Amino acid sequence: MAEYVLHCFAQSGYSYKVALMLQLAGADWEPRFVDFFNGATRSPEFRETVNEMGEVPVLEHNGLKLMQSGVILDYLAEELGEFGARTEEEAREILRWVLFDNHKLSSYAATLRYLRQFAKTGETPVTAFFEARAKSAFAILDKHLTGRDFVVADRLTTADLSLCGYLFWPDEIGIDLTAYPNMSRWLDRLRAQPGWAPPYALMPGHPLPASA
């Protein structure tokens, strides 16, 4: 078994944040498929033995089970010695952007993508609400990236890895990213990182079976 085991599935942007960090760092890791679309995370067994919150990602390492992508990214930065803060100021800035991502960017983009791509709700007042919120968050990130290569400091950090989690699925989210040129250039910069791979190439479960 690999040193790091990631409970995940291909369509999970939160899992992708962790998978991408492990991949870019060259860690010894392997994915463990969670059949989310057929109810695996809602099962009593999963909640009793893997994660009581009924969510992925879950990272297993050295007898630990870690949940919540932001926590896992912080843990891996310490364990791998990659993509972490170098000063207290950087640590606060990384935390600020990870919290922004989880509350304002990934949360809205992920829900909008789920409604359009998987629930197939069509366009409703709900999708309009989430699209407006996602676009607001994108605009904030785009403005912040003016004149910057990365979100915090002059290098890739866990802030970038958290924020990018859902943004490599623009077609599934249904928002044209050309309206956000700084963010688009930043995503291209991430794609150029040695070892980068798209979500569906890193984690199992794509394409969805007909039974999902």
C-alpha atoms as a PDB file:
ATOM      1  CA  MET A   1       0.000   0.000   0.000  1.00  0.00           C
ATOM      2  CA  ALA A   2       1.158   3.510  -0.748  1.00  0.00           C
ATOM      3  CA  GLU A   3       2.254   5.842   2.058  1.00  0.00           C
ATOM      4  CA  TYR A   4      -0.742   8.119   1.485  1.00  0.00           C
ATOM      5  CA  VAL A   5      -4.205   6.761   0.691  1.00  0.00           C
ATOM      6  CA  LEU A   6      -6.814   9.232  -0.529  1.00  0.00           C
ATOM      7  CA  HIS A   7     -10.506   8.307  -0.346  1.00  0.00           C
ATOM      8  CA  CYS A   8     -11.944  10.151  -3.319  1.00  0.00           C
ATOM      9  CA  PHE A   9     -13.844  10.038  -6.603  1.00  0.00           C
ATOM     10  CA  ALA A  10     -13.113  11.631  -9.946  1.00  0.00           C
ATOM     11  CA  GLN A  11     -15.846  14.274  -9.888  1.00  0.00           C
ATOM     12  CA  SER A  12     -14.888  15.691  -6.468  1.00  0.00           C
ATOM     13  CA  GLY A  13     -13.114  19.023  -6.701  1.00  0.00           C
ATOM     14  CA  TYR A  14     -12.372  18.979  -2.987  1.00  0.00           C
ATOM     15  CA  SER A  15     -10.619  15.641  -3.437  1.00  0.00           C
ATOM     16  CA  TYR A  16      -8.793  16.991  -6.474  1.00  0.00           C
ATOM     17  CA  LYS A  17      -7.171  19.703  -4.364  1.00  0.00           C
ATOM     18  CA  VAL A  18      -5.485  16.997  -2.293  1.00  0.00           C
ATOM     19  CA  ALA A  19      -4.771  14.642  -5.186  1.00  0.00           C
ATOM     20  CA  LEU A  20      -3.106  17.455  -7.117  1.00  0.00           C
ATOM     21  CA  MET A  21      -0.913  18.416  -4.175  1.00  0.00           C
ATOM     22  CA  LEU A  22       0.199  14.818  -3.706  1.00  0.00           C
ATOM     23  CA  GLN A  23       0.883  14.526  -7.431  1.00  0.00           C
ATOM     24  CA  LEU A  24       2.848  17.772  -7.718  1.00  0.00           C
ATOM     25  CA  ALA A  25       4.930  16.898  -4.665  1.00  0.00           C
ATOM     26  CA  GLY A  26       5.793  13.472  -6.082  1.00  0.00           C
ATOM     27  CA  ALA A  27       4.372  11.759  -3.008  1.00  0.00           C
ATOM     28  CA  ASP A  28       3.824   8.012  -2.751  1.00  0.00           C
ATOM     29  CA  TRP A  29       0.046   7.986  -2.884  1.00  0.00           C
ATOM     30  CA  GLU A  30      -2.892   6.071  -4.246  1.00  0.00           C
ATOM     31  CA  PRO A  31      -6.597   6.844  -4.639  1.00  0.00           C
ATOM     32  CA  ARG A  32      -9.274   4.688  -3.022  1.00  0.00           C
ATOM     33  CA  PHE A  33     -12.551   4.973  -4.912  1.00  0.00           C
ATOM     34  CA  VAL A  34     -15.655   6.100  -3.026  1.00  0.00           C
ATOM     35  CA  ASP A  35     -18.858   5.443  -4.980  1.00  0.00           C
ATOM     36  CA  PHE A  36     -20.471   8.749  -4.050  1.00  0.00           C
ATOM     37  CA  PHE A  37     -23.131   8.749  -6.748  1.00  0.00           C
ATOM     38  CA  ASN A  38     -24.462   5.396  -5.574  1.00  0.00           C
ATOM     39  CA  GLY A  39     -24.644   6.486  -1.949  1.00  0.00           C
ATOM     40  CA  ALA A  40     -21.374   5.227  -0.478  1.00  0.00           C
ATOM     41  CA  THR A  41     -20.799   8.273   1.742  1.00  0.00           C
ATOM     42  CA  ARG A  42     -24.309   7.968   3.181  1.00  0.00           C
ATOM     43  CA  SER A  43     -23.826   4.388   4.296  1.00  0.00           C
ATOM     44  CA  PRO A  44     -23.525   3.607   8.030  1.00  0.00           C
ATOM     45  CA  GLU A  45     -20.298   1.703   7.334  1.00  0.00           C
ATOM     46  CA  PHE A  46     -18.622   4.695   5.697  1.00  0.00           C
ATOM     47  CA  ARG A  47     -19.716   7.056   8.468  1.00  0.00           C
ATOM     48  CA  GLU A  48     -18.586   4.667  11.178  1.00  0.00           C
ATOM     49  CA  THR A  49     -15.253   3.615   9.699  1.00  0.00           C
ATOM     50  CA  VAL A  50     -14.125   6.402   7.346  1.00  0.00           C
ATOM     51  CA  ASN A  51     -15.733   9.787   8.058  1.00  0.00           C
ATOM     52  CA  GLU A  52     -18.634  10.541  10.369  1.00  0.00           C
ATOM     53  CA  MET A  53     -19.400  13.630   8.268  1.00  0.00           C
ATOM     54  CA  GLY A  54     -20.137  11.483   5.228  1.00  0.00           C
ATOM     55  CA  GLU A  55     -17.703  13.359   2.983  1.00  0.00           C
ATOM     56  CA  VAL A  56     -14.554  13.021   0.952  1.00  0.00           C
ATOM     57  CA  PRO A  57     -11.684  13.640   0.767  1.00  0.00           C
ATOM     58  CA  VAL A  58     -10.285  11.531   3.568  1.00  0.00           C
ATOM     59  CA  LEU A  59      -6.538  11.038   3.751  1.00  0.00           C
ATOM     60  CA  GLU A  60      -4.986   8.079   5.553  1.00  0.00           C
ATOM     61  CA  HIS A  61      -1.363   8.444   6.622  1.00  0.00           C
ATOM     62  CA  ASN A  62       0.648   6.813   9.406  1.00  0.00           C
ATOM     63  CA  GLY A  63      -2.476   5.629  11.207  1.00  0.00           C
ATOM     64  CA  LEU A  64      -4.208   9.011  10.945  1.00  0.00           C
ATOM     65  CA  LYS A  65      -7.425   9.790   9.125  1.00  0.00           C
ATOM     66  CA  LEU A  66      -7.692  13.411   8.103  1.00  0.00           C
ATOM     67  CA  MET A  67     -10.834  15.109   6.768  1.00  0.00           C
ATOM     68  CA  GLN A  68     -11.661  18.477   5.172  1.00  0.00           C
ATOM     69  CA  SER A  69      -9.479  19.528   2.250  1.00  0.00           C
ATOM     70  CA  GLY A  70      -8.102  22.633   3.962  1.00  0.00           C
ATOM     71  CA  VAL A  71      -6.931  20.614   6.953  1.00  0.00           C
ATOM     72  CA  ILE A  72      -5.405  17.970   4.702  1.00  0.00           C
ATOM     73  CA  LEU A  73      -3.553  20.525   2.580  1.00  0.00           C
ATOM     74  CA  ASP A  74      -2.104  22.120   5.723  1.00  0.00           C
ATOM     75  CA  TYR A  75      -1.043  18.711   7.047  1.00  0.00           C
ATOM     76  CA  LEU A  76       0.603  17.750   3.770  1.00  0.00           C
ATOM     77  CA  ALA A  77       2.493  21.040   3.594  1.00  0.00           C
ATOM     78  CA  GLU A  78       4.132  20.110   6.895  1.00  0.00           C
ATOM     79  CA  GLU A  79       4.682  16.451   6.042  1.00  0.00           C
ATOM     80  CA  LEU A  80       5.965  16.952   2.504  1.00  0.00           C
ATOM     81  CA  GLY A  81       7.788  20.243   3.042  1.00  0.00           C
ATOM     82  CA  GLU A  82       6.115  21.646  -0.079  1.00  0.00           C
ATOM     83  CA  PHE A  83       3.679  24.485  -0.820  1.00  0.00           C
ATOM     84  CA  GLY A  84       3.477  25.756   2.749  1.00  0.00           C
ATOM     85  CA  ALA A  85       4.040  29.118   4.396  1.00  0.00           C
ATOM     86  CA  ARG A  86       7.528  30.424   5.116  1.00  0.00           C
ATOM     87  CA  THR A  87       6.492  33.208   7.470  1.00  0.00           C
ATOM     88  CA  GLU A  88       3.674  33.877   9.905  1.00  0.00           C
ATOM     89  CA  GLU A  89       2.309  36.512   7.533  1.00  0.00           C
ATOM     90  CA  GLU A  90       2.205  33.992   4.685  1.00  0.00           C
ATOM     91  CA  ALA A  91       0.483  31.465   6.943  1.00  0.00           C
ATOM     92  CA  ARG A  92      -2.284  33.965   7.722  1.00  0.00           C
ATOM     93  CA  GLU A  93      -2.662  34.887   4.048  1.00  0.00           C
ATOM     94  CA  ILE A  94      -2.887  31.238   3.019  1.00  0.00           C
ATOM     95  CA  LEU A  95      -5.512  30.609   5.682  1.00  0.00           C
ATOM     96  CA  ARG A  96      -7.447  33.687   4.557  1.00  0.00           C
ATOM     97  CA  TRP A  97      -7.654  32.431   0.972  1.00  0.00           C
ATOM     98  CA  VAL A  98      -8.408  28.836   1.933  1.00  0.00           C
ATOM     99  CA  LEU A  99     -11.317  30.064   4.047  1.00  0.00           C
ATOM    100  CA  PHE A 100     -12.477  32.360   1.251  1.00  0.00           C
ATOM    101  CA  ASP A 101     -12.321  29.439  -1.150  1.00  0.00           C
ATOM    102  CA  ASN A 102     -14.323  27.111   1.046  1.00  0.00           C
ATOM    103  CA  HIS A 103     -16.969  29.694   1.909  1.00  0.00           C
ATOM    104  CA  LYS A 104     -17.231  31.765  -1.261  1.00  0.00           C
ATOM    105  CA  LEU A 105     -15.603  30.150  -4.290  1.00  0.00           C
ATOM    106  CA  SER A 106     -15.596  26.361  -4.241  1.00  0.00           C
ATOM    107  CA  SER A 107     -18.848  26.223  -2.304  1.00  0.00           C
ATOM    108  CA  TYR A 108     -20.809  28.146  -4.954  1.00  0.00           C
ATOM    109  CA  ALA A 109     -18.977  26.817  -8.009  1.00  0.00           C
ATOM    110  CA  ALA A 110     -19.288  23.226  -6.818  1.00  0.00           C
ATOM    111  CA  THR A 111     -23.009  23.500  -6.121  1.00  0.00           C
ATOM    112  CA  LEU A 112     -23.664  25.205  -9.447  1.00  0.00           C
ATOM    113  CA  ARG A 113     -21.721  22.484 -11.267  1.00  0.00           C
ATOM    114  CA  TYR A 114     -23.598  19.749  -9.430  1.00  0.00           C
ATOM    115  CA  LEU A 115     -26.983  21.210 -10.336  1.00  0.00           C
ATOM    116  CA  ARG A 116     -26.122  21.670 -13.995  1.00  0.00           C
ATOM    117  CA  GLN A 117     -23.898  18.693 -14.697  1.00  0.00           C
ATOM    118  CA  PHE A 118     -25.199  15.935 -12.448  1.00  0.00           C
ATOM    119  CA  ALA A 119     -28.664  16.826 -11.116  1.00  0.00           C
ATOM    120  CA  LYS A 120     -29.620  18.174 -14.564  1.00  0.00           C
ATOM    121  CA  THR A 121     -31.992  20.726 -13.059  1.00  0.00           C
ATOM    122  CA  GLY A 122     -31.879  23.050 -16.036  1.00  0.00           C
ATOM    123  CA  GLU A 123     -31.766  26.790 -15.517  1.00  0.00           C
ATOM    124  CA  THR A 124     -33.738  27.827 -12.448  1.00  0.00           C
ATOM    125  CA  PRO A 125     -33.735  30.696  -9.950  1.00  0.00           C
ATOM    126  CA  VAL A 126     -31.462  28.491  -7.839  1.00  0.00           C
ATOM    127  CA  THR A 127     -28.833  28.102 -10.566  1.00  0.00           C
ATOM    128  CA  ALA A 128     -29.076  31.851 -11.255  1.00  0.00           C
ATOM    129  CA  PHE A 129     -28.388  32.547  -7.582  1.00  0.00           C
ATOM    130  CA  PHE A 130     -25.358  30.255  -7.438  1.00  0.00           C
ATOM    131  CA  GLU A 131     -24.005  31.559 -10.745  1.00  0.00           C
ATOM    132  CA  ALA A 132     -24.132  35.134  -9.469  1.00  0.00           C
ATOM    133  CA  ARG A 133     -22.345  34.151  -6.267  1.00  0.00           C
ATOM    134  CA  ALA A 134     -19.698  32.151  -8.141  1.00  0.00           C
ATOM    135  CA  LYS A 135     -19.057  35.020 -10.561  1.00  0.00           C
ATOM    136  CA  SER A 136     -18.649  37.413  -7.633  1.00  0.00           C
ATOM    137  CA  ALA A 137     -16.021  35.142  -6.093  1.00  0.00           C
ATOM    138  CA  PHE A 138     -14.269  34.718  -9.447  1.00  0.00           C
ATOM    139  CA  ALA A 139     -14.108  38.490  -9.854  1.00  0.00           C
ATOM    140  CA  ILE A 140     -12.508  38.892  -6.420  1.00  0.00           C
ATOM    141  CA  LEU A 141      -9.854  36.286  -7.214  1.00  0.00           C
ATOM    142  CA  ASP A 142      -9.267  37.729 -10.681  1.00  0.00           C
ATOM    143  CA  LYS A 143      -8.669  41.215  -9.268  1.00  0.00           C
ATOM    144  CA  HIS A 144      -6.330  39.845  -6.591  1.00  0.00           C
ATOM    145  CA  LEU A 145      -4.256  38.096  -9.265  1.00  0.00           C
ATOM    146  CA  THR A 146      -3.570  41.341 -11.141  1.00  0.00           C
ATOM    147  CA  GLY A 147       0.214  41.497 -11.482  1.00  0.00           C
ATOM    148  CA  ARG A 148       0.642  38.256  -9.522  1.00  0.00           C
ATOM    149  CA  ASP A 149       1.792  34.810 -10.594  1.00  0.00           C
ATOM    150  CA  PHE A 150       0.330  33.080  -7.538  1.00  0.00           C
ATOM    151  CA  VAL A 151      -2.221  33.888  -4.854  1.00  0.00           C
ATOM    152  CA  VAL A 152       0.222  34.191  -1.942  1.00  0.00           C
ATOM    153  CA  ALA A 153       3.922  35.055  -2.187  1.00  0.00           C
ATOM    154  CA  ASP A 154       5.887  34.354  -5.377  1.00  0.00           C
ATOM    155  CA  ARG A 155       5.373  30.592  -5.561  1.00  0.00           C
ATOM    156  CA  LEU A 156       2.743  27.898  -5.541  1.00  0.00           C
ATOM    157  CA  THR A 157       1.143  27.362  -2.130  1.00  0.00           C
ATOM    158  CA  THR A 158      -1.802  25.515  -0.675  1.00  0.00           C
ATOM    159  CA  ALA A 159      -3.850  28.667  -1.277  1.00  0.00           C
ATOM    160  CA  ASP A 160      -3.528  28.099  -5.024  1.00  0.00           C
ATOM    161  CA  LEU A 161      -4.224  24.390  -4.672  1.00  0.00           C
ATOM    162  CA  SER A 162      -7.375  25.043  -2.688  1.00  0.00           C
ATOM    163  CA  LEU A 163      -8.760  27.754  -4.963  1.00  0.00           C
ATOM    164  CA  CYS A 164      -8.156  25.883  -8.217  1.00  0.00           C
ATOM    165  CA  GLY A 165     -10.010  22.714  -7.195  1.00  0.00           C
ATOM    166  CA  TYR A 166     -13.153  23.280  -9.250  1.00  0.00           C
ATOM    167  CA  LEU A 167     -11.848  25.699 -11.850  1.00  0.00           C
ATOM    168  CA  PHE A 168     -10.550  23.108 -14.299  1.00  0.00           C
ATOM    169  CA  TRP A 169     -14.211  22.223 -15.058  1.00  0.00           C
ATOM    170  CA  PRO A 170     -15.459  25.522 -16.557  1.00  0.00           C
ATOM    171  CA  ASP A 171     -17.682  23.773 -19.090  1.00  0.00           C
ATOM    172  CA  GLU A 172     -19.360  21.732 -16.368  1.00  0.00           C
ATOM    173  CA  ILE A 173     -19.791  24.779 -14.142  1.00  0.00           C
ATOM    174  CA  GLY A 174     -21.148  26.725 -17.106  1.00  0.00           C
ATOM    175  CA  ILE A 175     -19.208  29.964 -16.638  1.00  0.00           C
ATOM    176  CA  ASP A 176     -16.951  31.359 -19.358  1.00  0.00           C
ATOM    177  CA  LEU A 177     -13.575  32.046 -17.741  1.00  0.00           C
ATOM    178  CA  THR A 178     -12.406  34.364 -20.505  1.00  0.00           C
ATOM    179  CA  ALA A 179     -14.167  37.099 -18.538  1.00  0.00           C
ATOM    180  CA  TYR A 180     -11.500  36.573 -15.853  1.00  0.00           C
ATOM    181  CA  PRO A 181      -8.162  36.977 -17.688  1.00  0.00           C
ATOM    182  CA  ASN A 182      -5.911  37.057 -14.633  1.00  0.00           C
ATOM    183  CA  MET A 183      -7.519  33.927 -13.257  1.00  0.00           C
ATOM    184  CA  SER A 184      -7.261  32.217 -16.642  1.00  0.00           C
ATOM    185  CA  ARG A 185      -3.529  32.986 -16.880  1.00  0.00           C
ATOM    186  CA  TRP A 186      -3.068  31.691 -13.339  1.00  0.00           C
ATOM    187  CA  LEU A 187      -4.808  28.429 -14.241  1.00  0.00           C
ATOM    188  CA  ASP A 188      -2.525  28.086 -17.267  1.00  0.00           C
ATOM    189  CA  ARG A 189       0.427  28.604 -14.939  1.00  0.00           C
ATOM    190  CA  LEU A 190      -0.816  25.782 -12.729  1.00  0.00           C
ATOM    191  CA  ARG A 191      -1.277  23.523 -15.768  1.00  0.00           C
ATOM    192  CA  ALA A 192       2.380  24.162 -16.611  1.00  0.00           C
ATOM    193  CA  GLN A 193       3.609  22.857 -13.248  1.00  0.00           C
ATOM    194  CA  PRO A 194       5.656  19.636 -13.606  1.00  0.00           C
ATOM    195  CA  GLY A 195       3.404  16.696 -12.810  1.00  0.00           C
ATOM    196  CA  TRP A 196       0.105  18.540 -13.240  1.00  0.00           C
ATOM    197  CA  ALA A 197      -2.803  16.385 -14.363  1.00  0.00           C
ATOM    198  CA  PRO A 198      -6.530  17.131 -14.736  1.00  0.00           C
ATOM    199  CA  PRO A 199      -9.018  15.775 -12.184  1.00  0.00           C
ATOM    200  CA  TYR A 200     -10.341  12.915 -14.297  1.00  0.00           C
ATOM    201  CA  ALA A 201      -6.787  11.660 -14.873  1.00  0.00           C
ATOM    202  CA  LEU A 202      -5.875  11.529 -11.176  1.00  0.00           C
ATOM    203  CA  MET A 203      -8.888   9.906  -9.529  1.00  0.00           C
ATOM    204  CA  PRO A 204     -11.129   6.945 -10.361  1.00  0.00           C
ATOM    205  CA  GLY A 205     -14.813   7.050 -11.275  1.00  0.00           C
ATOM    206  CA  HIS A 206     -14.981   8.796 -14.646  1.00  0.00           C
ATOM    207  CA  PRO A 207     -17.038   8.521 -16.724  1.00  0.00           C
ATOM    208  CA  LEU A 208     -20.045   7.927 -14.511  1.00  0.00           C
ATOM    209  CA  PRO A 209     -21.778   4.583 -15.037  1.00  0.00           C
ATOM    210  CA  ALA A 210     -25.381   4.630 -16.169  1.00  0.00           C
ATOM    211  CA  SER A 211     -26.484   3.452 -12.709  1.00  0.00           C
ATOM    212  CA  ALA A 212     -25.081   6.549 -10.975  1.00  0.00           C
END
